[in-house]
């Protein structure tokens, strides 16, 4: 009885977001939109970027409100928020007997996070925004974070 009510509440809360995504991203699994797969990919990526921006902004505000440094908030909440889904995906494929895929997902996601998550913004800064400039890193903990990425795949 209460599960049905909770499902209705979840549906009511998520419906506006689902509606916006449904109306802005073509469903290329349907024959009518098959040729629009690149637009679907680009729009999905833009939505993920927007959601990521708001997630980081909210974590920063919460950390500032509670007096927790940005570095700690980033390492704990944001890293956990992005690593837990990867971990769950690796567990699922490992249980299906695809251990190689689980290991490649684990290692590949960290390498992708470093190369794309850091490389693209830094590349845009030095090539498009201020050509020839250098990116100044203000965090002293970057070396420790970098070592943690490679030590714990």
C-alpha atoms as a PDB file:
ATOM      1  CA  UNK A   1       0.000   0.000   0.000  1.00  0.00           C
ATOM      2  CA  UNK A   2       2.669   2.568   0.923  1.00  0.00           C
ATOM      3  CA  UNK A   3       4.907   1.498  -1.979  1.00  0.00           C
ATOM      4  CA  UNK A   4       2.208   2.528  -4.436  1.00  0.00           C
ATOM      5  CA  UNK A   5       1.875   5.949  -2.821  1.00  0.00           C
ATOM      6  CA  UNK A   6       5.655   6.451  -2.761  1.00  0.00           C
ATOM      7  CA  UNK A   7       5.873   5.534  -6.439  1.00  0.00           C
ATOM      8  CA  UNK A   8       3.203   8.106  -7.214  1.00  0.00           C
ATOM      9  CA  UNK A   9       5.076  10.768  -5.227  1.00  0.00           C
ATOM     10  CA  UNK A  10       8.345   9.900  -7.046  1.00  0.00           C
ATOM     11  CA  UNK A  11       6.561  10.060 -10.395  1.00  0.00           C
ATOM     12  CA  UNK A  12       5.009  13.413  -9.513  1.00  0.00           C
ATOM     13  CA  UNK A  13       8.376  14.854  -8.471  1.00  0.00           C
ATOM     14  CA  UNK A  14      10.290  13.540 -11.498  1.00  0.00           C
ATOM     15  CA  UNK A  15       7.624  14.172 -14.135  1.00  0.00           C
ATOM     16  CA  UNK A  16       8.677  17.769 -14.978  1.00  0.00           C
ATOM     17  CA  UNK A  17      12.278  16.688 -15.550  1.00  0.00           C
ATOM     18  CA  UNK A  18      11.270  13.660 -17.592  1.00  0.00           C
ATOM     19  CA  UNK A  19       8.945  15.847 -19.682  1.00  0.00           C
ATOM     20  CA  UNK A  20      11.707  18.377 -20.437  1.00  0.00           C
ATOM     21  CA  UNK A  21      14.162  15.637 -21.385  1.00  0.00           C
ATOM     22  CA  UNK A  22      11.525  13.879 -23.501  1.00  0.00           C
ATOM     23  CA  UNK A  23      10.744  17.052 -25.429  1.00  0.00           C
ATOM     24  CA  UNK A  24      14.352  18.165 -25.973  1.00  0.00           C
ATOM     25  CA  UNK A  25      16.133  14.876 -26.788  1.00  0.00           C
ATOM     26  CA  UNK A  26      15.040  12.852 -29.833  1.00  0.00           C
ATOM     27  CA  UNK A  27      14.473   9.152 -29.084  1.00  0.00           C
ATOM     28  CA  UNK A  28      16.700   7.588 -31.734  1.00  0.00           C
ATOM     29  CA  UNK A  29      15.562   4.073 -30.829  1.00  0.00           C
ATOM     30  CA  UNK A  30      12.355   4.826 -32.733  1.00  0.00           C
ATOM     31  CA  UNK A  31      12.526   4.432 -36.537  1.00  0.00           C
ATOM     32  CA  UNK A  32      11.441   8.033 -37.124  1.00  0.00           C
ATOM     33  CA  UNK A  33      14.486   9.436 -35.258  1.00  0.00           C
ATOM     34  CA  UNK A  34      17.138   6.803 -36.168  1.00  0.00           C
ATOM     35  CA  UNK A  35      19.187   9.241 -38.250  1.00  0.00           C
ATOM     36  CA  UNK A  36      19.241  11.819 -35.441  1.00  0.00           C
ATOM     37  CA  UNK A  37      21.520   9.768 -33.154  1.00  0.00           C
ATOM     38  CA  UNK A  38      24.288  12.403 -33.202  1.00  0.00           C
ATOM     39  CA  UNK A  39      21.867  15.118 -32.071  1.00  0.00           C
ATOM     40  CA  UNK A  40      20.632  12.783 -29.328  1.00  0.00           C
ATOM     41  CA  UNK A  41      24.227  12.222 -28.201  1.00  0.00           C
ATOM     42  CA  UNK A  42      25.089  15.944 -28.217  1.00  0.00           C
ATOM     43  CA  UNK A  43      21.909  16.999 -26.402  1.00  0.00           C
ATOM     44  CA  UNK A  44      22.352  14.239 -23.819  1.00  0.00           C
ATOM     45  CA  UNK A  45      25.915  15.395 -23.217  1.00  0.00           C
ATOM     46  CA  UNK A  46      24.758  18.998 -22.806  1.00  0.00           C
ATOM     47  CA  UNK A  47      22.108  17.945 -20.285  1.00  0.00           C
ATOM     48  CA  UNK A  48      24.705  15.935 -18.346  1.00  0.00           C
ATOM     49  CA  UNK A  49      26.998  18.983 -18.332  1.00  0.00           C
ATOM     50  CA  UNK A  50      24.169  21.169 -17.022  1.00  0.00           C
ATOM     51  CA  UNK A  51      23.254  18.667 -14.308  1.00  0.00           C
ATOM     52  CA  UNK A  52      26.932  18.331 -13.353  1.00  0.00           C
ATOM     53  CA  UNK A  53      27.281  22.102 -13.076  1.00  0.00           C
ATOM     54  CA  UNK A  54      24.284  22.318 -10.735  1.00  0.00           C
ATOM     55  CA  UNK A  55      25.507  19.334  -8.709  1.00  0.00           C
ATOM     56  CA  UNK A  56      28.925  20.938  -8.164  1.00  0.00           C
ATOM     57  CA  UNK A  57      27.322  24.292  -7.394  1.00  0.00           C
ATOM     58  CA  UNK A  58      24.992  22.755  -4.804  1.00  0.00           C
ATOM     59  CA  UNK A  59      27.790  20.769  -3.149  1.00  0.00           C
ATOM     60  CA  UNK A  60      29.912  23.951  -3.010  1.00  0.00           C
ATOM     61  CA  UNK A  61      27.095  25.925  -1.398  1.00  0.00           C
ATOM     62  CA  UNK A  62      26.392  23.164   1.118  1.00  0.00           C
ATOM     63  CA  UNK A  63      30.102  22.900   1.948  1.00  0.00           C
ATOM     64  CA  UNK A  64      30.391  26.659   2.355  1.00  0.00           C
ATOM     65  CA  UNK A  65      27.313  26.707   4.593  1.00  0.00           C
ATOM     66  CA  UNK A  66      28.653  23.899   6.795  1.00  0.00           C
ATOM     67  CA  UNK A  67      32.221  25.250   6.782  1.00  0.00           C
ATOM     68  CA  UNK A  68      33.673  22.283   4.873  1.00  0.00           C
ATOM     69  CA  UNK A  69      36.453  23.077   2.341  1.00  0.00           C
ATOM     70  CA  UNK A  70      35.707  22.586  -1.369  1.00  0.00           C
ATOM     71  CA  UNK A  71      38.466  19.985  -1.699  1.00  0.00           C
ATOM     72  CA  UNK A  72      36.920  17.758   0.959  1.00  0.00           C
ATOM     73  CA  UNK A  73      33.436  18.174  -0.497  1.00  0.00           C
ATOM     74  CA  UNK A  74      34.747  17.341  -3.965  1.00  0.00           C
ATOM     75  CA  UNK A  75      36.692  14.276  -2.934  1.00  0.00           C
ATOM     76  CA  UNK A  76      33.953  12.818  -0.767  1.00  0.00           C
ATOM     77  CA  UNK A  77      30.567  13.724  -2.210  1.00  0.00           C
ATOM     78  CA  UNK A  78      31.274  14.360  -5.865  1.00  0.00           C
ATOM     79  CA  UNK A  79      33.738  11.492  -6.213  1.00  0.00           C
ATOM     80  CA  UNK A  80      31.373   9.112  -4.439  1.00  0.00           C
ATOM     81  CA  UNK A  81      28.472  10.327  -6.552  1.00  0.00           C
ATOM     82  CA  UNK A  82      30.327   9.514  -9.747  1.00  0.00           C
ATOM     83  CA  UNK A  83      32.135   6.353  -8.580  1.00  0.00           C
ATOM     84  CA  UNK A  84      29.233   4.469  -7.007  1.00  0.00           C
ATOM     85  CA  UNK A  85      27.354   4.025 -10.334  1.00  0.00           C
ATOM     86  CA  UNK A  86      30.576   2.765 -11.958  1.00  0.00           C
ATOM     87  CA  UNK A  87      31.066   0.346  -9.081  1.00  0.00           C
ATOM     88  CA  UNK A  88      27.494  -0.937  -9.388  1.00  0.00           C
ATOM     89  CA  UNK A  89      27.904  -1.427 -13.143  1.00  0.00           C
ATOM     90  CA  UNK A  90      31.145  -3.359 -12.559  1.00  0.00           C
ATOM     91  CA  UNK A  91      29.448  -5.558  -9.952  1.00  0.00           C
ATOM     92  CA  UNK A  92      26.569  -6.329 -12.302  1.00  0.00           C
ATOM     93  CA  UNK A  93      28.803  -7.371 -15.202  1.00  0.00           C
ATOM     94  CA  UNK A  94      31.107  -9.324 -12.858  1.00  0.00           C
ATOM     95  CA  UNK A  95      28.105 -11.316 -11.583  1.00  0.00           C
ATOM     96  CA  UNK A  96      27.212 -12.055 -15.199  1.00  0.00           C
ATOM     97  CA  UNK A  97      30.640 -13.649 -15.616  1.00  0.00           C
ATOM     98  CA  UNK A  98      32.196 -10.769 -17.533  1.00  0.00           C
ATOM     99  CA  UNK A  99      35.151 -10.076 -15.236  1.00  0.00           C
ATOM    100  CA  UNK A 100      37.247  -8.537 -18.018  1.00  0.00           C
ATOM    101  CA  UNK A 101      34.540  -5.987 -18.704  1.00  0.00           C
ATOM    102  CA  UNK A 102      34.269  -5.144 -14.992  1.00  0.00           C
ATOM    103  CA  UNK A 103      38.010  -4.503 -14.715  1.00  0.00           C
ATOM    104  CA  UNK A 104      38.133  -2.437 -17.906  1.00  0.00           C
ATOM    105  CA  UNK A 105      35.171  -0.360 -16.698  1.00  0.00           C
ATOM    106  CA  UNK A 106      36.871   0.264 -13.367  1.00  0.00           C
ATOM    107  CA  UNK A 107      40.210   1.294 -14.836  1.00  0.00           C
ATOM    108  CA  UNK A 108      38.748   3.033 -17.884  1.00  0.00           C
ATOM    109  CA  UNK A 109      36.389   5.263 -15.941  1.00  0.00           C
ATOM    110  CA  UNK A 110      39.223   6.695 -13.818  1.00  0.00           C
ATOM    111  CA  UNK A 111      41.438   7.287 -16.838  1.00  0.00           C
ATOM    112  CA  UNK A 112      38.520   8.923 -18.664  1.00  0.00           C
ATOM    113  CA  UNK A 113      37.772  11.124 -15.639  1.00  0.00           C
ATOM    114  CA  UNK A 114      41.365  12.361 -15.528  1.00  0.00           C
ATOM    115  CA  UNK A 115      41.946  12.820 -19.251  1.00  0.00           C
ATOM    116  CA  UNK A 116      38.552  14.248 -20.202  1.00  0.00           C
ATOM    117  CA  UNK A 117      37.415  15.743 -16.900  1.00  0.00           C
ATOM    118  CA  UNK A 118      40.617  17.730 -16.528  1.00  0.00           C
ATOM    119  CA  UNK A 119      41.909  17.802 -20.106  1.00  0.00           C
ATOM    120  CA  UNK A 120      38.880  19.273 -21.882  1.00  0.00           C
ATOM    121  CA  UNK A 121      38.368  22.283 -19.576  1.00  0.00           C
ATOM    122  CA  UNK A 122      42.105  22.996 -19.450  1.00  0.00           C
ATOM    123  CA  UNK A 123      42.381  22.576 -23.224  1.00  0.00           C
ATOM    124  CA  UNK A 124      39.466  24.940 -23.812  1.00  0.00           C
ATOM    125  CA  UNK A 125      41.060  27.492 -21.494  1.00  0.00           C
ATOM    126  CA  UNK A 126      44.428  27.417 -23.250  1.00  0.00           C
ATOM    127  CA  UNK A 127      43.194  27.048 -26.844  1.00  0.00           C
ATOM    128  CA  UNK A 128      39.837  28.817 -27.092  1.00  0.00           C
ATOM    129  CA  UNK A 129      39.364  31.234 -24.215  1.00  0.00           C
ATOM    130  CA  UNK A 130      42.890  32.609 -23.723  1.00  0.00           C
ATOM    131  CA  UNK A 131      45.137  31.168 -26.433  1.00  0.00           C
ATOM    132  CA  UNK A 132      48.610  30.260 -25.215  1.00  0.00           C
ATOM    133  CA  UNK A 133      47.822  30.825 -21.554  1.00  0.00           C
ATOM    134  CA  UNK A 134      48.636  28.427 -18.756  1.00  0.00           C
ATOM    135  CA  UNK A 135      46.216  26.912 -16.295  1.00  0.00           C
ATOM    136  CA  UNK A 136      47.061  27.708 -12.710  1.00  0.00           C
ATOM    137  CA  UNK A 137      46.068  25.000 -10.245  1.00  0.00           C
ATOM    138  CA  UNK A 138      45.146  26.413  -6.870  1.00  0.00           C
ATOM    139  CA  UNK A 139      44.727  23.157  -4.962  1.00  0.00           C
ATOM    140  CA  UNK A 140      47.712  21.770  -3.060  1.00  0.00           C
ATOM    141  CA  UNK A 141      46.031  18.391  -2.799  1.00  0.00           C
ATOM    142  CA  UNK A 142      46.025  17.665  -6.545  1.00  0.00           C
ATOM    143  CA  UNK A 143      49.117  15.440  -6.307  1.00  0.00           C
ATOM    144  CA  UNK A 144      47.509  13.365  -3.529  1.00  0.00           C
ATOM    145  CA  UNK A 145      44.287  13.116  -5.503  1.00  0.00           C
ATOM    146  CA  UNK A 146      46.218  12.121  -8.638  1.00  0.00           C
ATOM    147  CA  UNK A 147      48.032   9.364  -6.718  1.00  0.00           C
ATOM    148  CA  UNK A 148      44.710   8.129  -5.265  1.00  0.00           C
ATOM    149  CA  UNK A 149      43.255   7.817  -8.776  1.00  0.00           C
ATOM    150  CA  UNK A 150      46.025   5.490  -9.885  1.00  0.00           C
ATOM    151  CA  UNK A 151      46.423   3.643  -6.621  1.00  0.00           C
ATOM    152  CA  UNK A 152      42.724   2.741  -6.293  1.00  0.00           C
ATOM    153  CA  UNK A 153      41.256   1.799  -9.690  1.00  0.00           C
END
